[in-house]
Amino acid sequence: MDLRLTPRMLLEAYRLGTFPMAESREGRALYWFDPVQRGIIPLDGFHLSRSLARHIRDMSWQVTLNADFEGVIDGCADRDSTWINAEITDLFTALNRSGHAHSLEIWDAGALIGGIYGLTIGGVFCGESMFSRRPNASKVALAYLVAHLRRCGFVLFDTQYLNDHLARLGGVEIPRMEYRKLLAQALKVKGDIRARSLPGVQDVMQLRTHRS
C-alpha cells in the first residue's frame, strides 16, 4: 500500500488546521503540528511603521506574484536550521503548479532578494515561510501580501507560529479553538489570489489607515 503524502492529502490536512514539518533539510520523516496557540496576522491589523512605509515609497525593488516559486522555497530553506525538506519542497511545488500554493517575490535589479510562500484554501492564506537577503525585504513582502490578500477577498492569514519579527508587524497569537472557528468561517469564503493585480505603493500605504 502506498502511504506517501500527496498534495491532495496535504490540502485536506490544512483544512483541519494541521500542518507538517521535518526535523531538518535531510530529515525524511514529516511530523504534524496543531499548536495550542496559533499565530495569525489580522488582515486589518498589519503594522506598517513609518520607517517601513518610507522604505516602500522610496525603494526601487520590484514585487511579483508566482514568478519564481521554486526560488522562494529554496531561499526559505537556505539557512542553518530548516524544517523544509525535499518532500515538503516537492509537495508545495506540485501545489503551486495546480494553483493552490503561491509565492510573492521581491527583486532588486533582477536578483531575488526576498519572498514568502504559502497555500490558499477558500479565504485562508496559510503562510509557510519567508526569507530575506536584504534588510526589510521580508517586511516589504509581508506588507504587499497583506494588502493583496485584502483586495482579493481573503479573511484569514495563518502564520502557524508567532515570532518577534511577526509580532512587530502586527501578528498575534490566538487559542487553538478560536483559530478553528476562524478557519471554519474562512473556508466558506472564495478568495482568489489571482483575482487582481498586485497592489501599488498607494494601496500598501492604506494599511496605515486600516489598523483595527
Protein backbone atom coordinates (compact mmCIF):
# COMPACT_ATOMS: atom_id res chain seq x y z
CA MET A 1 0.00 0.00 0.00
CA ASP A 2 1.35 3.45 -0.99
CA LEU A 3 1.21 5.64 2.14
CA ARG A 4 3.09 8.59 0.70
CA LEU A 5 1.64 12.02 1.39
CA THR A 6 0.02 13.51 -1.70
CA PRO A 7 -0.75 17.16 -2.48
CA ARG A 8 -4.48 16.45 -2.09
CA MET A 9 -3.93 14.88 1.33
CA LEU A 10 -1.86 17.90 2.34
CA LEU A 11 -4.68 20.26 1.41
CA GLU A 12 -7.13 18.24 3.48
CA ALA A 13 -4.79 18.40 6.47
CA TYR A 14 -4.69 22.20 6.23
CA ARG A 15 -8.48 22.25 6.12
CA LEU A 16 -8.38 20.54 9.52
CA GLY A 17 -5.88 23.06 10.88
CA THR A 18 -2.78 20.86 10.89
CA PHE A 19 0.49 21.26 9.01
CA PRO A 20 3.70 19.22 8.54
CA MET A 21 7.34 19.97 9.31
CA ALA A 22 10.52 17.94 9.01
CA GLU A 23 13.25 17.86 11.63
CA SER A 24 15.84 19.12 9.18
CA ARG A 25 16.62 19.54 5.50
CA GLU A 26 17.96 15.98 5.42
CA GLY A 27 15.17 14.51 7.55
CA ARG A 28 12.90 12.05 5.80
CA ALA A 29 10.03 11.92 8.30
CA LEU A 30 7.31 14.57 8.50
CA TYR A 31 5.65 15.49 11.79
CA TRP A 32 2.21 17.03 12.14
CA PHE A 33 1.53 20.13 14.23
CA ASP A 34 -1.61 21.72 15.63
CA PRO A 35 -0.38 24.45 18.02
CA VAL A 36 -2.23 25.24 21.22
CA GLN A 37 -1.54 28.90 20.45
CA ARG A 38 -1.84 29.77 16.76
CA GLY A 39 -0.11 32.67 15.05
CA ILE A 40 -2.10 34.88 12.68
CA ILE A 41 -1.73 38.31 11.12
CA PRO A 42 -5.11 40.10 11.29
CA LEU A 43 -5.65 41.50 7.81
CA ASP A 44 -6.95 44.73 9.31
CA GLY A 45 -4.14 44.93 11.87
CA PHE A 46 -0.87 44.88 9.94
CA HIS A 47 1.63 47.30 11.47
CA LEU A 48 3.11 49.37 8.67
CA SER A 49 5.58 51.53 10.57
CA ARG A 50 6.61 54.96 9.37
CA SER A 51 10.09 53.71 8.56
CA LEU A 52 8.78 50.74 6.55
CA ALA A 53 6.29 52.98 4.74
CA ARG A 54 9.09 55.38 3.86
CA HIS A 55 11.24 52.49 2.62
CA ILE A 56 8.43 51.22 0.38
CA ARG A 57 7.80 54.70 -1.06
CA ASP A 58 11.49 55.20 -1.84
CA MET A 59 12.56 51.70 -2.91
CA SER A 60 13.40 50.65 -6.45
CA TRP A 61 12.64 46.97 -5.79
CA GLN A 62 10.12 45.03 -7.87
CA VAL A 63 7.33 42.85 -6.45
CA THR A 64 5.90 39.84 -8.30
CA LEU A 65 3.47 37.00 -7.67
CA ASN A 66 4.32 33.40 -8.60
CA ALA A 67 7.27 34.47 -10.75
CA ASP A 68 9.76 32.14 -9.06
CA PHE A 69 8.08 29.78 -6.61
CA GLU A 70 10.98 27.35 -6.52
CA GLY A 71 13.43 30.20 -5.94
CA VAL A 72 11.40 31.38 -2.94
CA ILE A 73 11.07 27.97 -1.32
CA ASP A 74 14.79 27.38 -1.90
CA GLY A 75 15.54 30.75 -0.32
CA CYS A 76 13.40 29.87 2.69
CA ALA A 77 15.25 26.55 3.12
CA ASP A 78 18.69 28.14 2.69
CA ARG A 79 19.55 28.54 6.37
CA ASP A 80 21.48 26.65 9.01
CA SER A 81 18.34 25.11 10.52
CA THR A 82 15.22 24.44 8.47
CA TRP A 83 12.13 22.23 8.58
CA ILE A 84 11.78 22.33 4.78
CA ASN A 85 12.99 19.01 3.40
CA ALA A 86 12.83 17.53 -0.09
CA GLU A 87 9.33 16.09 0.38
CA ILE A 88 7.86 19.40 1.53
CA THR A 89 9.56 21.14 -1.38
CA ASP A 90 8.13 18.61 -3.86
CA LEU A 91 4.62 18.76 -2.36
CA PHE A 92 4.41 22.53 -2.38
CA THR A 93 5.91 22.78 -5.84
CA ALA A 94 3.17 20.44 -7.06
CA LEU A 95 0.56 22.56 -5.27
CA ASN A 96 1.95 25.66 -6.94
CA ARG A 97 1.60 24.02 -10.34
CA SER A 98 -2.03 23.15 -9.56
CA GLY A 99 -2.80 26.69 -8.38
CA HIS A 100 -3.01 26.04 -4.63
CA ALA A 101 0.38 27.29 -3.44
CA HIS A 102 1.76 30.72 -4.21
CA SER A 103 4.82 32.87 -3.75
CA LEU A 104 5.41 36.60 -3.59
CA GLU A 105 8.87 37.71 -4.65
CA ILE A 106 10.98 40.80 -4.04
CA TRP A 107 13.59 41.65 -6.67
CA ASP A 108 16.42 44.14 -6.94
CA ALA A 109 17.93 44.62 -10.40
CA GLY A 110 16.90 41.11 -11.41
CA ALA A 111 18.16 39.41 -8.24
CA LEU A 112 15.72 37.60 -5.94
CA ILE A 113 16.30 39.21 -2.53
CA GLY A 114 13.28 38.08 -0.52
CA GLY A 115 9.89 36.46 -0.56
CA ILE A 116 7.19 34.44 1.14
CA TYR A 117 5.26 31.33 0.14
CA GLY A 118 2.16 29.52 1.34
CA LEU A 119 -1.05 27.91 0.19
CA THR A 120 -4.59 29.13 -0.20
CA ILE A 121 -7.82 27.37 0.72
CA GLY A 122 -11.08 29.29 0.49
CA GLY A 123 -10.46 32.63 2.17
CA VAL A 124 -7.36 31.47 4.05
CA PHE A 125 -3.73 32.11 3.21
CA CYS A 126 -1.55 29.65 5.13
CA GLY A 127 1.87 31.29 5.27
CA GLU A 128 4.67 28.75 5.36
CA SER A 129 7.96 30.62 5.39
CA MET A 130 9.73 33.73 4.19
CA PHE A 131 13.29 34.82 3.62
CA SER A 132 15.30 37.99 3.20
CA ARG A 133 18.68 38.64 1.60
CA ARG A 134 18.47 42.40 2.16
CA PRO A 135 17.29 44.41 5.18
CA ASN A 136 13.49 44.90 5.09
CA ALA A 137 12.91 42.54 2.15
CA SER A 138 10.70 40.14 4.11
CA LYS A 139 8.83 43.06 5.71
CA VAL A 140 8.12 44.50 2.28
CA ALA A 141 6.92 41.08 1.10
CA LEU A 142 4.52 40.80 4.02
CA ALA A 143 3.17 44.31 3.56
CA TYR A 144 2.44 43.70 -0.12
CA LEU A 145 0.96 40.28 0.59
CA VAL A 146 -1.40 41.58 3.30
CA ALA A 147 -2.57 44.40 1.03
CA HIS A 148 -3.06 41.93 -1.83
CA LEU A 149 -4.97 39.39 0.27
CA ARG A 150 -7.36 42.11 1.43
CA ARG A 151 -8.05 43.12 -2.18
CA CYS A 152 -8.61 39.51 -3.24
CA GLY A 153 -11.25 38.61 -0.67
CA PHE A 154 -9.20 36.74 1.92
CA VAL A 155 -10.21 36.92 5.58
CA LEU A 156 -7.55 34.89 7.43
CA PHE A 157 -3.74 34.97 7.27
CA ASP A 158 -2.39 31.98 9.21
CA THR A 159 1.29 32.21 10.21
CA GLN A 160 1.24 28.96 12.25
CA TYR A 161 3.53 30.31 14.98
CA LEU A 162 4.31 33.81 16.21
CA ASN A 163 7.85 35.13 16.46
CA ASP A 164 9.20 38.55 17.39
CA HIS A 165 9.51 39.57 13.73
CA LEU A 166 5.83 38.84 13.03
CA ALA A 167 4.71 40.39 16.31
CA ARG A 168 6.35 43.70 15.38
CA LEU A 169 4.32 43.63 12.16
CA GLY A 170 1.00 43.07 13.92
CA GLY A 171 0.98 39.29 14.33
CA VAL A 172 -0.86 37.86 17.33
CA GLU A 173 -1.50 34.50 18.98
CA ILE A 174 -4.97 33.08 19.45
CA PRO A 175 -6.11 29.85 21.17
CA ARG A 176 -6.47 26.73 19.05
CA MET A 177 -10.27 26.63 19.34
CA GLU A 178 -10.59 30.26 18.31
CA TYR A 179 -8.39 29.56 15.31
CA ARG A 180 -10.53 26.59 14.32
CA LYS A 181 -13.65 28.77 14.40
CA LEU A 182 -11.98 31.39 12.22
CA LEU A 183 -10.74 28.66 9.89
CA ALA A 184 -14.21 27.13 9.52
CA GLN A 185 -15.65 30.53 8.63
CA ALA A 186 -12.83 31.37 6.24
CA LEU A 187 -13.14 28.06 4.37
CA LYS A 188 -16.61 29.19 3.27
CA VAL A 189 -15.15 32.29 1.61
CA LYS A 190 -13.96 32.23 -2.00
CA GLY A 191 -10.70 34.13 -2.01
CA ASP A 192 -8.72 34.23 -5.24
CA ILE A 193 -5.12 35.42 -5.01
CA ARG A 194 -5.03 35.80 -8.79
CA ALA A 195 -8.22 37.85 -9.00
CA ARG A 196 -6.42 41.19 -9.05
CA SER A 197 -3.02 42.55 -9.92
CA LEU A 198 -0.58 43.24 -7.11
CA PRO A 199 -1.23 46.44 -5.18
CA GLY A 200 0.62 49.62 -5.94
CA VAL A 201 2.52 51.69 -3.43
CA GLN A 202 -0.52 53.78 -2.53
CA ASP A 203 -2.59 50.64 -1.90
CA VAL A 204 0.07 49.40 0.53
CA MET A 205 0.16 52.79 2.25
CA GLN A 206 -3.52 52.35 3.06
CA LEU A 207 -2.54 49.66 5.56
CA ARG A 208 -1.63 52.53 7.89
CA THR A 209 -5.23 53.75 7.88
CA HIS A 210 -6.91 50.34 8.22
CA ARG A 211 -5.46 49.18 11.51
CA SER A 212 -8.08 47.98 13.97
